N, C-alpha and C. Protein backbone atom coordinates (compact mmCIF):
# COMPACT_ATOMS: atom_id res chain seq x y z
N MET A 1 86.48 80.46 51.57
CA MET A 1 87.68 81.16 51.24
C MET A 1 88.47 80.35 50.14
N SER A 2 88.78 80.80 49.02
CA SER A 2 89.43 79.99 48.01
C SER A 2 90.79 79.82 48.14
N GLY A 3 91.46 80.55 48.96
CA GLY A 3 92.94 80.44 49.29
C GLY A 3 93.87 81.32 48.33
N VAL A 4 95.00 81.10 48.63
CA VAL A 4 96.00 82.03 47.98
C VAL A 4 96.96 81.00 47.17
N SER A 5 97.37 81.42 45.94
CA SER A 5 98.37 80.57 45.22
C SER A 5 99.67 80.61 45.84
N THR A 6 100.48 79.83 45.55
CA THR A 6 101.87 79.67 46.16
C THR A 6 102.70 81.01 45.79
N ALA A 7 102.52 81.45 44.58
CA ALA A 7 103.14 82.75 44.18
C ALA A 7 102.69 83.95 44.99
N GLU A 8 101.40 84.01 45.39
CA GLU A 8 100.85 84.98 46.15
C GLU A 8 101.12 84.87 47.53
N ALA A 9 101.52 83.63 48.02
CA ALA A 9 101.70 83.32 49.35
C ALA A 9 103.12 83.82 49.86
N GLU A 10 104.05 83.91 48.99
CA GLU A 10 105.46 84.17 49.31
C GLU A 10 105.46 85.60 49.96
N PRO A 11 105.00 86.63 49.37
CA PRO A 11 105.24 87.96 49.92
C PRO A 11 104.41 88.05 51.27
N LEU A 12 103.41 87.22 51.41
CA LEU A 12 102.69 87.31 52.70
C LEU A 12 103.63 86.58 53.75
N TYR A 13 104.22 85.49 53.44
CA TYR A 13 105.15 84.89 54.43
C TYR A 13 106.25 85.82 54.77
N ARG A 14 106.80 86.49 53.87
CA ARG A 14 108.01 87.48 54.16
C ARG A 14 107.39 88.57 55.12
N ARG A 15 106.09 88.96 54.77
CA ARG A 15 105.59 90.04 55.80
C ARG A 15 105.32 89.57 57.17
N VAL A 16 104.76 88.39 57.31
CA VAL A 16 104.46 87.72 58.56
C VAL A 16 105.71 87.49 59.32
N LEU A 17 106.73 86.95 58.50
CA LEU A 17 107.95 86.71 59.17
C LEU A 17 108.55 87.96 59.85
N ALA A 18 108.56 88.99 59.12
CA ALA A 18 109.03 90.33 59.60
C ALA A 18 108.33 90.77 60.84
N ILE A 19 107.08 90.52 60.79
CA ILE A 19 106.24 90.91 61.91
C ILE A 19 106.62 90.16 63.25
N LEU A 20 106.58 88.81 62.96
CA LEU A 20 106.97 87.90 64.05
C LEU A 20 108.14 88.22 64.63
N GLU A 21 109.28 88.33 63.81
CA GLU A 21 110.56 88.64 64.25
C GLU A 21 110.60 89.95 65.09
N LYS A 22 110.05 90.94 64.63
CA LYS A 22 109.98 92.18 65.45
C LYS A 22 109.11 92.13 66.74
N ALA A 23 108.17 91.41 66.64
CA ALA A 23 107.23 91.28 67.89
C ALA A 23 107.86 90.36 68.94
N LEU A 24 108.35 89.28 68.40
CA LEU A 24 108.74 88.14 69.31
C LEU A 24 110.28 87.82 69.41
N GLY A 25 111.08 88.29 68.46
CA GLY A 25 112.44 88.15 68.42
C GLY A 25 112.70 87.22 67.44
N PRO A 26 114.01 87.20 66.80
CA PRO A 26 114.46 86.31 65.71
C PRO A 26 114.46 84.77 66.04
N GLU A 27 114.53 84.48 67.43
CA GLU A 27 114.74 83.11 67.78
C GLU A 27 113.36 82.41 68.53
N HIS A 28 112.27 83.10 68.46
CA HIS A 28 111.14 82.55 68.96
C HIS A 28 110.67 81.38 68.17
N ARG A 29 109.99 80.53 68.91
CA ARG A 29 109.50 79.20 68.34
C ARG A 29 108.45 79.58 67.38
N LYS A 30 107.76 80.60 67.36
CA LYS A 30 106.66 80.96 66.20
C LYS A 30 107.41 81.33 65.09
N VAL A 31 108.53 81.98 65.16
CA VAL A 31 109.45 82.36 64.03
C VAL A 31 109.84 81.12 63.35
N THR A 32 110.45 80.22 64.10
CA THR A 32 110.96 79.02 63.55
C THR A 32 109.90 78.26 62.85
N THR A 33 108.69 78.19 63.32
CA THR A 33 107.57 77.60 62.68
C THR A 33 107.32 78.26 61.31
N CYS A 34 107.27 79.49 61.31
CA CYS A 34 107.08 80.33 60.08
C CYS A 34 108.24 80.01 59.10
N LEU A 35 109.45 80.00 59.57
CA LEU A 35 110.56 79.83 58.69
C LEU A 35 110.50 78.37 58.11
N GLU A 36 110.09 77.36 58.84
CA GLU A 36 109.91 76.00 58.31
C GLU A 36 108.77 76.09 57.18
N ASN A 37 107.64 76.52 57.50
CA ASN A 37 106.54 76.59 56.59
C ASN A 37 106.94 77.36 55.30
N TYR A 38 107.65 78.47 55.52
CA TYR A 38 108.06 79.16 54.23
C TYR A 38 109.01 78.49 53.41
N ALA A 39 109.91 77.74 54.04
CA ALA A 39 110.70 76.77 53.40
C ALA A 39 109.93 75.78 52.65
N MET A 40 108.92 75.17 53.21
CA MET A 40 108.17 74.27 52.57
C MET A 40 107.60 74.75 51.30
N LEU A 41 107.04 76.04 51.35
CA LEU A 41 106.44 76.63 50.39
C LEU A 41 107.38 76.87 49.20
N LEU A 42 108.61 77.24 49.56
CA LEU A 42 109.67 77.45 48.50
C LEU A 42 110.00 76.09 47.82
N ARG A 43 110.07 75.20 48.53
CA ARG A 43 110.36 73.91 47.98
C ARG A 43 109.25 73.37 47.07
N GLU A 44 108.06 73.72 47.44
CA GLU A 44 106.76 73.32 46.65
C GLU A 44 106.96 74.14 45.24
N MET A 45 107.63 75.35 45.37
CA MET A 45 107.58 76.17 44.30
C MET A 45 108.89 75.91 43.42
N ASP A 46 109.55 74.69 43.75
CA ASP A 46 110.72 74.19 43.09
C ASP A 46 111.89 75.22 43.22
N ARG A 47 112.14 75.65 44.51
CA ARG A 47 113.18 76.62 44.72
C ARG A 47 113.93 76.30 45.99
N PRO A 48 114.52 75.00 45.92
CA PRO A 48 115.29 74.52 47.14
C PRO A 48 116.37 75.43 47.49
N GLU A 49 117.10 76.05 46.54
CA GLU A 49 118.18 77.04 46.90
C GLU A 49 117.79 78.13 47.74
N ASP A 50 116.46 78.58 47.69
CA ASP A 50 116.00 79.67 48.55
C ASP A 50 115.34 79.07 49.75
N ALA A 51 115.05 77.84 49.78
CA ALA A 51 114.60 77.15 51.08
C ALA A 51 115.76 76.79 52.04
N GLU A 52 116.86 76.42 51.48
CA GLU A 52 117.94 75.97 52.40
C GLU A 52 118.33 76.92 53.30
N PRO A 53 118.65 78.17 53.09
CA PRO A 53 119.02 79.10 54.16
C PRO A 53 117.87 79.34 55.26
N LEU A 54 116.65 79.07 54.99
CA LEU A 54 115.74 79.17 56.02
C LEU A 54 115.74 77.98 56.84
N GLU A 55 115.88 76.80 56.22
CA GLU A 55 116.02 75.55 56.94
C GLU A 55 117.28 75.42 57.90
N SER A 56 118.47 76.07 57.31
CA SER A 56 119.63 76.22 58.05
C SER A 56 119.48 77.14 59.28
N ARG A 57 118.76 78.18 59.07
CA ARG A 57 118.37 78.99 60.26
C ARG A 57 117.66 78.30 61.35
N VAL A 58 116.71 77.46 61.00
CA VAL A 58 115.79 76.80 61.93
C VAL A 58 116.68 75.88 62.76
N ARG A 59 117.58 75.29 61.94
CA ARG A 59 118.37 74.20 62.65
C ARG A 59 119.32 74.98 63.60
N ALA A 60 119.92 76.05 63.16
CA ALA A 60 120.73 76.76 64.09
C ALA A 60 120.06 77.18 65.33
N ILE A 61 118.88 77.84 65.20
CA ILE A 61 118.02 78.28 66.31
C ILE A 61 117.73 77.18 67.32
N ARG A 62 117.35 75.84 66.69
CA ARG A 62 116.99 74.82 67.50
C ARG A 62 118.22 74.21 68.30
N ALA A 63 119.30 74.27 67.55
CA ALA A 63 120.71 73.76 68.23
C ALA A 63 120.87 74.70 69.28
N LYS A 64 120.78 75.96 69.21
CA LYS A 64 121.11 76.99 70.23
C LYS A 64 120.15 76.86 71.41
N SER A 65 118.88 76.68 71.28
CA SER A 65 117.84 76.72 72.23
C SER A 65 117.73 75.30 72.94
N GLY A 66 118.25 74.29 72.25
CA GLY A 66 118.07 72.92 72.66
C GLY A 66 116.72 72.27 72.54
N PRO A 67 116.69 71.03 72.52
CA PRO A 67 115.45 70.33 72.16
C PRO A 67 114.31 70.48 73.30
N ASP A 68 114.66 70.84 74.51
CA ASP A 68 113.72 70.76 75.51
C ASP A 68 113.02 72.08 75.76
N LYS A 69 113.57 73.11 75.14
CA LYS A 69 113.01 74.44 75.37
C LYS A 69 111.51 74.53 75.04
N TYR A 70 111.08 73.95 73.85
CA TYR A 70 109.66 73.79 73.54
C TYR A 70 109.31 72.37 73.33
N PRO A 71 109.11 71.58 74.43
CA PRO A 71 108.84 70.24 74.27
C PRO A 71 107.61 69.87 73.44
N GLY A 72 107.60 68.87 72.67
CA GLY A 72 106.41 68.63 71.86
C GLY A 72 106.25 69.30 70.61
N LEU A 73 107.06 70.35 70.37
CA LEU A 73 106.76 71.15 69.24
C LEU A 73 107.88 70.98 68.05
N GLN A 74 108.93 70.07 68.30
CA GLN A 74 109.89 69.88 67.29
C GLN A 74 109.22 69.10 66.15
N GLY A 75 109.42 69.67 65.02
CA GLY A 75 108.85 69.02 63.83
C GLY A 75 107.31 69.47 63.64
N ARG A 76 106.71 70.21 64.48
CA ARG A 76 105.33 70.56 64.31
C ARG A 76 105.14 71.68 63.43
N ARG A 77 104.37 71.49 62.36
CA ARG A 77 104.11 72.52 61.31
C ARG A 77 102.65 72.68 60.89
N ARG A 78 102.53 73.54 60.07
CA ARG A 78 101.17 73.83 59.56
C ARG A 78 100.05 74.33 60.55
N PHE A 79 100.49 75.27 61.12
CA PHE A 79 99.55 75.92 62.09
C PHE A 79 98.48 76.75 61.21
N GLY A 80 97.27 76.84 61.66
CA GLY A 80 96.36 77.65 60.92
C GLY A 80 96.51 79.16 60.92
N PHE A 81 96.44 79.62 59.70
CA PHE A 81 96.64 80.99 59.54
C PHE A 81 95.38 81.87 59.30
N GLY A 82 94.40 81.03 58.57
CA GLY A 82 93.05 81.53 58.48
C GLY A 82 92.97 82.62 57.51
N ILE A 83 93.60 83.79 58.00
CA ILE A 83 93.44 85.07 57.11
C ILE A 83 93.70 84.96 55.72
N PHE A 84 94.74 84.20 55.31
CA PHE A 84 94.94 84.21 53.89
C PHE A 84 94.62 82.86 53.32
N GLY A 85 94.25 81.83 54.02
CA GLY A 85 93.84 80.66 53.39
C GLY A 85 94.95 79.99 52.65
N ILE A 86 96.05 80.01 53.09
CA ILE A 86 97.30 79.62 52.35
C ILE A 86 97.48 78.03 52.45
N ARG A 87 96.74 77.44 51.81
CA ARG A 87 96.75 75.85 51.67
C ARG A 87 97.12 75.37 52.94
N SER A 88 98.13 74.43 53.13
CA SER A 88 98.22 73.76 54.45
C SER A 88 99.67 74.34 54.96
N TYR A 89 100.28 75.41 54.21
CA TYR A 89 101.64 75.96 54.53
C TYR A 89 101.32 77.35 55.21
N THR A 90 101.43 77.33 56.42
CA THR A 90 100.92 78.54 57.00
C THR A 90 101.89 78.88 58.39
N CYS A 91 101.81 80.21 58.70
CA CYS A 91 102.41 80.55 59.83
C CYS A 91 101.39 80.84 61.05
N GLN A 92 101.71 80.71 62.21
CA GLN A 92 100.77 80.86 63.11
C GLN A 92 100.46 82.51 63.31
N SER A 93 99.16 82.90 63.29
CA SER A 93 98.82 84.18 63.16
C SER A 93 98.78 84.94 64.53
N ARG A 94 98.53 84.19 65.69
CA ARG A 94 98.35 84.79 66.94
C ARG A 94 99.67 85.02 67.61
N ILE A 95 99.92 86.16 68.16
CA ILE A 95 101.20 86.37 68.71
C ILE A 95 100.96 86.41 70.40
């Protein structure tokens, strides 16, 4: 699979994020992982002003849930998505 360009990846992130939020809730750890990775993509696209709100949301969710809610996952990123081949910036595809 040749992968998807960063510009093509953005609408896929928005779609996956919406699906994860609906299926798992807006504060689930998989949603935070997707938010982090989407923010990394936006920064790679030289759009830090768009990345910051996503990163702020991740910090707020983690502050609310506490560091021990998902031990070992703090700062963990780049889960395999497979279906889109989005470089290393990916959301987790399995719910």
